[in-house]
Amino acid sequence: MNKRIKTLVALALCVAAYFLLQLIPFGSTILYPFQLLVTVLHEFGHALGAIITGGSVERVQINTNGSGVTYTAGGWRPIV
């Protein structure tokens, strides 16, 4: 099996595991750290966009429900 197919199979297995964990009662507890990681990475992208375009980051807030917000000053809004 070539590398591309192995990668696609691994991705498909991860997606299947995610949906299976959503179906079981304690699955959301298992997925919670990953949800927070995704939120941190997402907000980091906003912060990086602000810095790269000449802005600054005032604050990054990650909430316990998995949401987040990045407060920036300046920068180019379409990138941020």
PDB file of N, CA and C in Angstrom:
ATOM      1  N   MET A   1       0.847  -1.176   0.000  1.00  0.00           N
ATOM      2  CA  MET A   1       0.000   0.000   0.000  1.00  0.00           C
ATOM      3  C   MET A   1       0.901   1.252   0.000  1.00  0.00           C
ATOM      4  N   ASN A   2       0.588   2.205  -0.869  1.00  0.00           N
ATOM      5  CA  ASN A   2       1.442   3.385  -0.899  1.00  0.00           C
ATOM      6  C   ASN A   2       1.093   4.347   0.248  1.00  0.00           C
ATOM      7  N   LYS A   3       1.925   5.349   0.417  1.00  0.00           N
ATOM      8  CA  LYS A   3       1.807   6.259   1.559  1.00  0.00           C
ATOM      9  C   LYS A   3       0.486   7.039   1.549  1.00  0.00           C
ATOM     10  N   ARG A   4       0.036   7.435   0.372  1.00  0.00           N
ATOM     11  CA  ARG A   4      -1.199   8.209   0.263  1.00  0.00           C
ATOM     12  C   ARG A   4      -2.409   7.395   0.726  1.00  0.00           C
ATOM     13  N   ILE A   5      -2.473   6.158   0.329  1.00  0.00           N
ATOM     14  CA  ILE A   5      -3.585   5.295   0.732  1.00  0.00           C
ATOM     15  C   ILE A   5      -3.536   5.041   2.234  1.00  0.00           C
ATOM     16  N   LYS A   6      -2.341   4.818   2.776  1.00  0.00           N
ATOM     17  CA  LYS A   6      -2.209   4.621   4.225  1.00  0.00           C
ATOM     18  C   LYS A   6      -2.694   5.846   4.987  1.00  0.00           C
ATOM     19  N   THR A   7      -2.377   7.013   4.480  1.00  0.00           N
ATOM     20  CA  THR A   7      -2.821   8.247   5.117  1.00  0.00           C
ATOM     21  C   THR A   7      -4.340   8.379   5.078  1.00  0.00           C
ATOM     22  N   LEU A   8      -4.932   8.070   3.935  1.00  0.00           N
ATOM     23  CA  LEU A   8      -6.390   8.138   3.808  1.00  0.00           C
ATOM     24  C   LEU A   8      -7.093   7.126   4.710  1.00  0.00           C
ATOM     25  N   VAL A   9      -6.519   5.938   4.816  1.00  0.00           N
ATOM     26  CA  VAL A   9      -7.092   4.913   5.699  1.00  0.00           C
ATOM     27  C   VAL A   9      -7.008   5.374   7.153  1.00  0.00           C
ATOM     28  N   ALA A  10      -5.872   5.927   7.550  1.00  0.00           N
ATOM     29  CA  ALA A  10      -5.711   6.416   8.921  1.00  0.00           C
ATOM     30  C   ALA A  10      -6.700   7.545   9.200  1.00  0.00           C
ATOM     31  N   LEU A  11      -6.879   8.448   8.250  1.00  0.00           N
ATOM     32  CA  LEU A  11      -7.842   9.543   8.421  1.00  0.00           C
ATOM     33  C   LEU A  11      -9.264   9.005   8.546  1.00  0.00           C
ATOM     34  N   ALA A  12      -9.611   8.048   7.708  1.00  0.00           N
ATOM     35  CA  ALA A  12     -10.948   7.447   7.765  1.00  0.00           C
ATOM     36  C   ALA A  12     -11.181   6.756   9.112  1.00  0.00           C
ATOM     37  N   LEU A  13     -10.178   6.073   9.629  1.00  0.00           N
ATOM     38  CA  LEU A  13     -10.307   5.418  10.935  1.00  0.00           C
ATOM     39  C   LEU A  13     -10.482   6.442  12.054  1.00  0.00           C
ATOM     40  N   CYS A  14      -9.771   7.537  11.978  1.00  0.00           N
ATOM     41  CA  CYS A  14      -9.916   8.592  12.995  1.00  0.00           C
ATOM     42  C   CYS A  14     -11.310   9.210  12.964  1.00  0.00           C
ATOM     43  N   VAL A  15     -11.806   9.457  11.769  1.00  0.00           N
ATOM     44  CA  VAL A  15     -13.152  10.020  11.634  1.00  0.00           C
ATOM     45  C   VAL A  15     -14.190   9.028  12.154  1.00  0.00           C
ATOM     46  N   ALA A  16     -14.038   7.758  11.814  1.00  0.00           N
ATOM     47  CA  ALA A  16     -14.970   6.733  12.297  1.00  0.00           C
ATOM     48  C   ALA A  16     -14.920   6.637  13.821  1.00  0.00           C
ATOM     49  N   ALA A  17     -13.723   6.677  14.402  1.00  0.00           N
ATOM     50  CA  ALA A  17     -13.595   6.622  15.861  1.00  0.00           C
ATOM     51  C   ALA A  17     -14.260   7.826  16.506  1.00  0.00           C
ATOM     52  N   TYR A  18     -14.099   8.991  15.906  1.00  0.00           N
ATOM     53  CA  TYR A  18     -14.737  10.207  16.440  1.00  0.00           C
ATOM     54  C   TYR A  18     -16.250  10.041  16.485  1.00  0.00           C
ATOM     55  N   PHE A  19     -16.846   9.596  15.374  1.00  0.00           N
ATOM     56  CA  PHE A  19     -18.300   9.454  15.341  1.00  0.00           C
ATOM     57  C   PHE A  19     -18.787   8.352  16.275  1.00  0.00           C
ATOM     58  N   LEU A  20     -18.032   7.288  16.412  1.00  0.00           N
ATOM     59  CA  LEU A  20     -18.414   6.236  17.359  1.00  0.00           C
ATOM     60  C   LEU A  20     -18.362   6.750  18.802  1.00  0.00           C
ATOM     61  N   LEU A  21     -17.343   7.541  19.118  1.00  0.00           N
ATOM     62  CA  LEU A  21     -17.251   8.100  20.467  1.00  0.00           C
ATOM     63  C   LEU A  21     -18.385   9.087  20.750  1.00  0.00           C
ATOM     64  N   GLN A  22     -18.896   9.738  19.717  1.00  0.00           N
ATOM     65  CA  GLN A  22     -20.028  10.640  19.900  1.00  0.00           C
ATOM     66  C   GLN A  22     -21.292   9.876  20.296  1.00  0.00           C
ATOM     67  N   LEU A  23     -21.372   8.622  19.903  1.00  0.00           N
ATOM     68  CA  LEU A  23     -22.578   7.829  20.150  1.00  0.00           C
ATOM     69  C   LEU A  23     -22.634   7.220  21.549  1.00  0.00           C
ATOM     70  N   ILE A  24     -21.490   6.996  22.174  1.00  0.00           N
ATOM     71  CA  ILE A  24     -21.510   6.356  23.484  1.00  0.00           C
ATOM     72  C   ILE A  24     -21.618   7.427  24.578  1.00  0.00           C
ATOM     73  N   PRO A  25     -22.206   7.081  25.717  1.00  0.00           N
ATOM     74  CA  PRO A  25     -22.481   8.074  26.761  1.00  0.00           C
ATOM     75  C   PRO A  25     -21.261   8.837  27.276  1.00  0.00           C
ATOM     76  N   PHE A  26     -20.129   8.179  27.490  1.00  0.00           N
ATOM     77  CA  PHE A  26     -18.958   8.852  28.045  1.00  0.00           C
ATOM     78  C   PHE A  26     -17.986   9.319  26.947  1.00  0.00           C
ATOM     79  N   GLY A  27     -18.390   9.210  25.710  1.00  0.00           N
ATOM     80  CA  GLY A  27     -17.528   9.572  24.596  1.00  0.00           C
ATOM     81  C   GLY A  27     -17.132  11.031  24.586  1.00  0.00           C
ATOM     82  N   SER A  28     -18.063  11.904  24.964  1.00  0.00           N
ATOM     83  CA  SER A  28     -17.731  13.333  24.970  1.00  0.00           C
ATOM     84  C   SER A  28     -16.650  13.641  25.998  1.00  0.00           C
ATOM     85  N   THR A  29     -16.596  12.869  27.073  1.00  0.00           N
ATOM     86  CA  THR A  29     -15.549  13.049  28.085  1.00  0.00           C
ATOM     87  C   THR A  29     -14.182  12.678  27.502  1.00  0.00           C
ATOM     88  N   ILE A  30     -14.143  11.633  26.714  1.00  0.00           N
ATOM     89  CA  ILE A  30     -12.900  11.222  26.079  1.00  0.00           C
ATOM     90  C   ILE A  30     -12.451  12.249  25.045  1.00  0.00           C
ATOM     91  N   LEU A  31     -13.404  12.829  24.326  1.00  0.00           N
ATOM     92  CA  LEU A  31     -13.082  13.771  23.254  1.00  0.00           C
ATOM     93  C   LEU A  31     -12.807  15.190  23.749  1.00  0.00           C
ATOM     94  N   TYR A  32     -13.139  15.490  24.993  1.00  0.00           N
ATOM     95  CA  TYR A  32     -13.013  16.852  25.519  1.00  0.00           C
ATOM     96  C   TYR A  32     -11.602  17.442  25.372  1.00  0.00           C
ATOM     97  N   PRO A  33     -10.543  16.727  25.727  1.00  0.00           N
ATOM     98  CA  PRO A  33      -9.202  17.314  25.543  1.00  0.00           C
ATOM     99  C   PRO A  33      -8.889  17.641  24.084  1.00  0.00           C
ATOM    100  N   PHE A  34      -9.368  16.821  23.174  1.00  0.00           N
ATOM    101  CA  PHE A  34      -9.139  17.079  21.758  1.00  0.00           C
ATOM    102  C   PHE A  34      -9.930  18.301  21.292  1.00  0.00           C
ATOM    103  N   GLN A  35     -11.141  18.462  21.838  1.00  0.00           N
ATOM    104  CA  GLN A  35     -11.950  19.632  21.509  1.00  0.00           C
ATOM    105  C   GLN A  35     -11.239  20.909  21.959  1.00  0.00           C
ATOM    106  N   LEU A  36     -10.674  20.882  23.158  1.00  0.00           N
ATOM    107  CA  LEU A  36      -9.940  22.049  23.642  1.00  0.00           C
ATOM    108  C   LEU A  36      -8.689  22.304  22.809  1.00  0.00           C
ATOM    109  N   LEU A  37      -7.998  21.241  22.408  1.00  0.00           N
ATOM    110  CA  LEU A  37      -6.811  21.394  21.572  1.00  0.00           C
ATOM    111  C   LEU A  37      -7.169  22.048  20.242  1.00  0.00           C
ATOM    112  N   VAL A  38      -8.251  21.617  19.633  1.00  0.00           N
ATOM    113  CA  VAL A  38      -8.682  22.204  18.365  1.00  0.00           C
ATOM    114  C   VAL A  38      -9.013  23.680  18.552  1.00  0.00           C
ATOM    115  N   THR A  39      -9.660  24.028  19.657  1.00  0.00           N
ATOM    116  CA  THR A  39      -9.985  25.424  19.931  1.00  0.00           C
ATOM    117  C   THR A  39      -8.720  26.255  20.123  1.00  0.00           C
ATOM    118  N   VAL A  40      -7.754  25.728  20.860  1.00  0.00           N
ATOM    119  CA  VAL A  40      -6.492  26.438  21.072  1.00  0.00           C
ATOM    120  C   VAL A  40      -5.788  26.680  19.741  1.00  0.00           C
ATOM    121  N   LEU A  41      -5.724  25.656  18.904  1.00  0.00           N
ATOM    122  CA  LEU A  41      -5.079  25.809  17.601  1.00  0.00           C
ATOM    123  C   LEU A  41      -5.808  26.812  16.721  1.00  0.00           C
ATOM    124  N   HIS A  42      -7.135  26.802  16.772  1.00  0.00           N
ATOM    125  CA  HIS A  42      -7.932  27.745  15.995  1.00  0.00           C
ATOM    126  C   HIS A  42      -7.654  29.183  16.435  1.00  0.00           C
ATOM    127  N   GLU A  43      -7.697  29.408  17.731  1.00  0.00           N
ATOM    128  CA  GLU A  43      -7.453  30.762  18.249  1.00  0.00           C
ATOM    129  C   GLU A  43      -6.008  31.191  18.004  1.00  0.00           C
ATOM    130  N   PHE A  44      -5.070  30.241  18.048  1.00  0.00           N
ATOM    131  CA  PHE A  44      -3.683  30.539  17.727  1.00  0.00           C
ATOM    132  C   PHE A  44      -3.567  31.040  16.289  1.00  0.00           C
ATOM    133  N   GLY A  45      -4.366  30.495  15.393  1.00  0.00           N
ATOM    134  CA  GLY A  45      -4.374  30.946  14.005  1.00  0.00           C
ATOM    135  C   GLY A  45      -4.791  32.402  13.892  1.00  0.00           C
ATOM    136  N   HIS A  46      -5.805  32.804  14.664  1.00  0.00           N
ATOM    137  CA  HIS A  46      -6.214  34.215  14.677  1.00  0.00           C
ATOM    138  C   HIS A  46      -5.083  35.093  15.205  1.00  0.00           C
ATOM    139  N   ALA A  47      -4.454  34.651  16.284  1.00  0.00           N
ATOM    140  CA  ALA A  47      -3.361  35.426  16.875  1.00  0.00           C
ATOM    141  C   ALA A  47      -2.200  35.555  15.897  1.00  0.00           C
ATOM    142  N   LEU A  48      -1.845  34.461  15.246  1.00  0.00           N
ATOM    143  CA  LEU A  48      -0.757  34.488  14.279  1.00  0.00           C
ATOM    144  C   LEU A  48      -1.092  35.399  13.103  1.00  0.00           C
ATOM    145  N   GLY A  49      -2.336  35.349  12.638  1.00  0.00           N
ATOM    146  CA  GLY A  49      -2.760  36.223  11.549  1.00  0.00           C
ATOM    147  C   GLY A  49      -2.634  37.687  11.920  1.00  0.00           C
ATOM    148  N   ALA A  50      -2.982  38.021  13.152  1.00  0.00           N
ATOM    149  CA  ALA A  50      -2.863  39.409  13.609  1.00  0.00           C
ATOM    150  C   ALA A  50      -1.401  39.830  13.652  1.00  0.00           C
ATOM    151  N   ILE A  51      -0.540  38.999  14.193  1.00  0.00           N
ATOM    152  CA  ILE A  51       0.875  39.341  14.330  1.00  0.00           C
ATOM    153  C   ILE A  51       1.539  39.475  12.955  1.00  0.00           C
ATOM    154  N   ILE A  52       1.250  38.539  12.067  1.00  0.00           N
ATOM    155  CA  ILE A  52       1.866  38.562  10.734  1.00  0.00           C
ATOM    156  C   ILE A  52       1.465  39.816   9.956  1.00  0.00           C
ATOM    157  N   THR A  53       0.250  40.307  10.158  1.00  0.00           N
ATOM    158  CA  THR A  53      -0.223  41.473   9.408  1.00  0.00           C
ATOM    159  C   THR A  53      -0.029  42.780  10.162  1.00  0.00           C
ATOM    160  N   GLY A  54       0.820  42.774  11.175  1.00  0.00           N
ATOM    161  CA  GLY A  54       1.181  44.020  11.852  1.00  0.00           C
ATOM    162  C   GLY A  54       0.356  44.375  13.063  1.00  0.00           C
ATOM    163  N   GLY A  55      -0.512  43.494  13.488  1.00  0.00           N
ATOM    164  CA  GLY A  55      -1.318  43.756  14.673  1.00  0.00           C
ATOM    165  C   GLY A  55      -0.687  43.162  15.916  1.00  0.00           C
ATOM    166  N   SER A  56      -1.445  43.191  16.979  1.00  0.00           N
ATOM    167  CA  SER A  56      -0.974  42.603  18.232  1.00  0.00           C
ATOM    168  C   SER A  56      -2.115  41.834  18.881  1.00  0.00           C
ATOM    169  N   VAL A  57      -1.741  40.950  19.770  1.00  0.00           N
ATOM    170  CA  VAL A  57      -2.725  40.128  20.482  1.00  0.00           C
ATOM    171  C   VAL A  57      -2.887  40.693  21.885  1.00  0.00           C
ATOM    172  N   GLU A  58      -4.117  41.039  22.229  1.00  0.00           N
ATOM    173  CA  GLU A  58      -4.383  41.549  23.568  1.00  0.00           C
ATOM    174  C   GLU A  58      -4.673  40.418  24.543  1.00  0.00           C
ATOM    175  N   ARG A  59      -5.443  39.436  24.070  1.00  0.00           N
ATOM    176  CA  ARG A  59      -5.835  38.348  24.973  1.00  0.00           C
ATOM    177  C   ARG A  59      -6.412  37.189  24.169  1.00  0.00           C
ATOM    178  N   VAL A  60      -6.178  35.976  24.635  1.00  0.00           N
ATOM    179  CA  VAL A  60      -6.793  34.782  24.079  1.00  0.00           C
ATOM    180  C   VAL A  60      -7.570  34.118  25.206  1.00  0.00           C
ATOM    181  N   GLN A  61      -8.824  33.806  24.937  1.00  0.00           N
ATOM    182  CA  GLN A  61      -9.675  33.193  25.962  1.00  0.00           C
ATOM    183  C   GLN A  61     -10.219  31.871  25.433  1.00  0.00           C
ATOM    184  N   ILE A  62      -9.991  30.811  26.180  1.00  0.00           N
ATOM    185  CA  ILE A  62     -10.529  29.487  25.864  1.00  0.00           C
ATOM    186  C   ILE A  62     -11.539  29.150  26.950  1.00  0.00           C
ATOM    187  N   ASN A  63     -12.762  28.875  26.553  1.00  0.00           N
ATOM    188  CA  ASN A  63     -13.838  28.593  27.502  1.00  0.00           C
ATOM    189  C   ASN A  63     -13.987  27.094  27.737  1.00  0.00           C
ATOM    190  N   THR A  64     -14.560  26.743  28.867  1.00  0.00           N
ATOM    191  CA  THR A  64     -14.710  25.329  29.217  1.00  0.00           C
ATOM    192  C   THR A  64     -15.682  24.590  28.303  1.00  0.00           C
ATOM    193  N   ASN A  65     -16.543  25.317  27.577  1.00  0.00           N
ATOM    194  CA  ASN A  65     -17.480  24.650  26.677  1.00  0.00           C
ATOM    195  C   ASN A  65     -16.866  24.380  25.304  1.00  0.00           C
ATOM    196  N   GLY A  66     -15.570  24.700  25.152  1.00  0.00           N
ATOM    197  CA  GLY A  66     -14.888  24.425  23.892  1.00  0.00           C
ATOM    198  C   GLY A  66     -14.860  25.592  22.931  1.00  0.00           C
ATOM    199  N   SER A  67     -15.456  26.692  23.314  1.00  0.00           N
ATOM    200  CA  SER A  67     -15.402  27.875  22.466  1.00  0.00           C
ATOM    201  C   SER A  67     -14.211  28.731  22.861  1.00  0.00           C
ATOM    202  N   GLY A  68     -13.910  29.715  22.043  1.00  0.00           N
ATOM    203  CA  GLY A  68     -12.799  30.591  22.354  1.00  0.00           C
ATOM    204  C   GLY A  68     -12.919  31.898  21.613  1.00  0.00           C
ATOM    205  N   VAL A  69     -12.119  32.862  22.026  1.00  0.00           N
ATOM    206  CA  VAL A  69     -12.096  34.163  21.362  1.00  0.00           C
ATOM    207  C   VAL A  69     -10.690  34.740  21.505  1.00  0.00           C
ATOM    208  N   THR A  70     -10.242  35.420  20.453  1.00  0.00           N
ATOM    209  CA  THR A  70      -8.944  36.084  20.467  1.00  0.00           C
ATOM    210  C   THR A  70      -9.179  37.569  20.265  1.00  0.00           C
ATOM    211  N   TYR A  71      -8.710  38.369  21.205  1.00  0.00           N
ATOM    212  CA  TYR A  71      -8.838  39.817  21.115  1.00  0.00           C
ATOM    213  C   TYR A  71      -7.545  40.369  20.530  1.00  0.00           C
ATOM    214  N   THR A  72      -7.668  41.062  19.394  1.00  0.00           N
ATOM    215  CA  THR A  72      -6.498  41.603  18.721  1.00  0.00           C
ATOM    216  C   THR A  72      -6.676  43.102  18.516  1.00  0.00           C
ATOM    217  N   ALA A  73      -5.558  43.770  18.279  1.00  0.00           N
ATOM    218  CA  ALA A  73      -5.556  45.182  17.929  1.00  0.00           C
ATOM    219  C   ALA A  73      -4.762  45.345  16.654  1.00  0.00           C
ATOM    220  N   GLY A  74      -5.359  45.996  15.673  1.00  0.00           N
ATOM    221  CA  GLY A  74      -4.675  46.172  14.404  1.00  0.00           C
ATOM    222  C   GLY A  74      -4.683  44.897  13.583  1.00  0.00           C
ATOM    223  N   GLY A  75      -3.813  44.864  12.609  1.00  0.00           N
ATOM    224  CA  GLY A  75      -3.780  43.709  11.710  1.00  0.00           C
ATOM    225  C   GLY A  75      -4.796  43.858  10.608  1.00  0.00           C
ATOM    226  N   TRP A  76      -4.703  43.003   9.630  1.00  0.00           N
ATOM    227  CA  TRP A  76      -5.615  43.036   8.491  1.00  0.00           C
ATOM    228  C   TRP A  76      -6.753  42.066   8.758  1.00  0.00           C
ATOM    229  N   ARG A  77      -7.955  42.577   8.954  1.00  0.00           N
ATOM    230  CA  ARG A  77      -9.113  41.773   9.358  1.00  0.00           C
ATOM    231  C   ARG A  77      -9.394  40.562   8.494  1.00  0.00           C
ATOM    232  N   PRO A  78      -9.300  40.658   7.159  1.00  0.00           N
ATOM    233  CA  PRO A  78      -9.569  39.438   6.362  1.00  0.00           C
ATOM    234  C   PRO A  78      -8.625  38.280   6.691  1.00  0.00           C
ATOM    235  N   ILE A  79      -7.407  38.582   7.114  1.00  0.00           N
ATOM    236  CA  ILE A  79      -6.467  37.534   7.510  1.00  0.00           C
ATOM    237  C   ILE A  79      -6.710  37.095   8.938  1.00  0.00           C
ATOM    238  N   VAL A  80      -6.942  38.047   9.819  1.00  0.00           N
ATOM    239  CA  VAL A  80      -7.158  37.735  11.233  1.00  0.00           C
ATOM    240  C   VAL A  80      -8.455  36.957  11.364  1.00  0.00           C
TER     241      VAL A  80
END
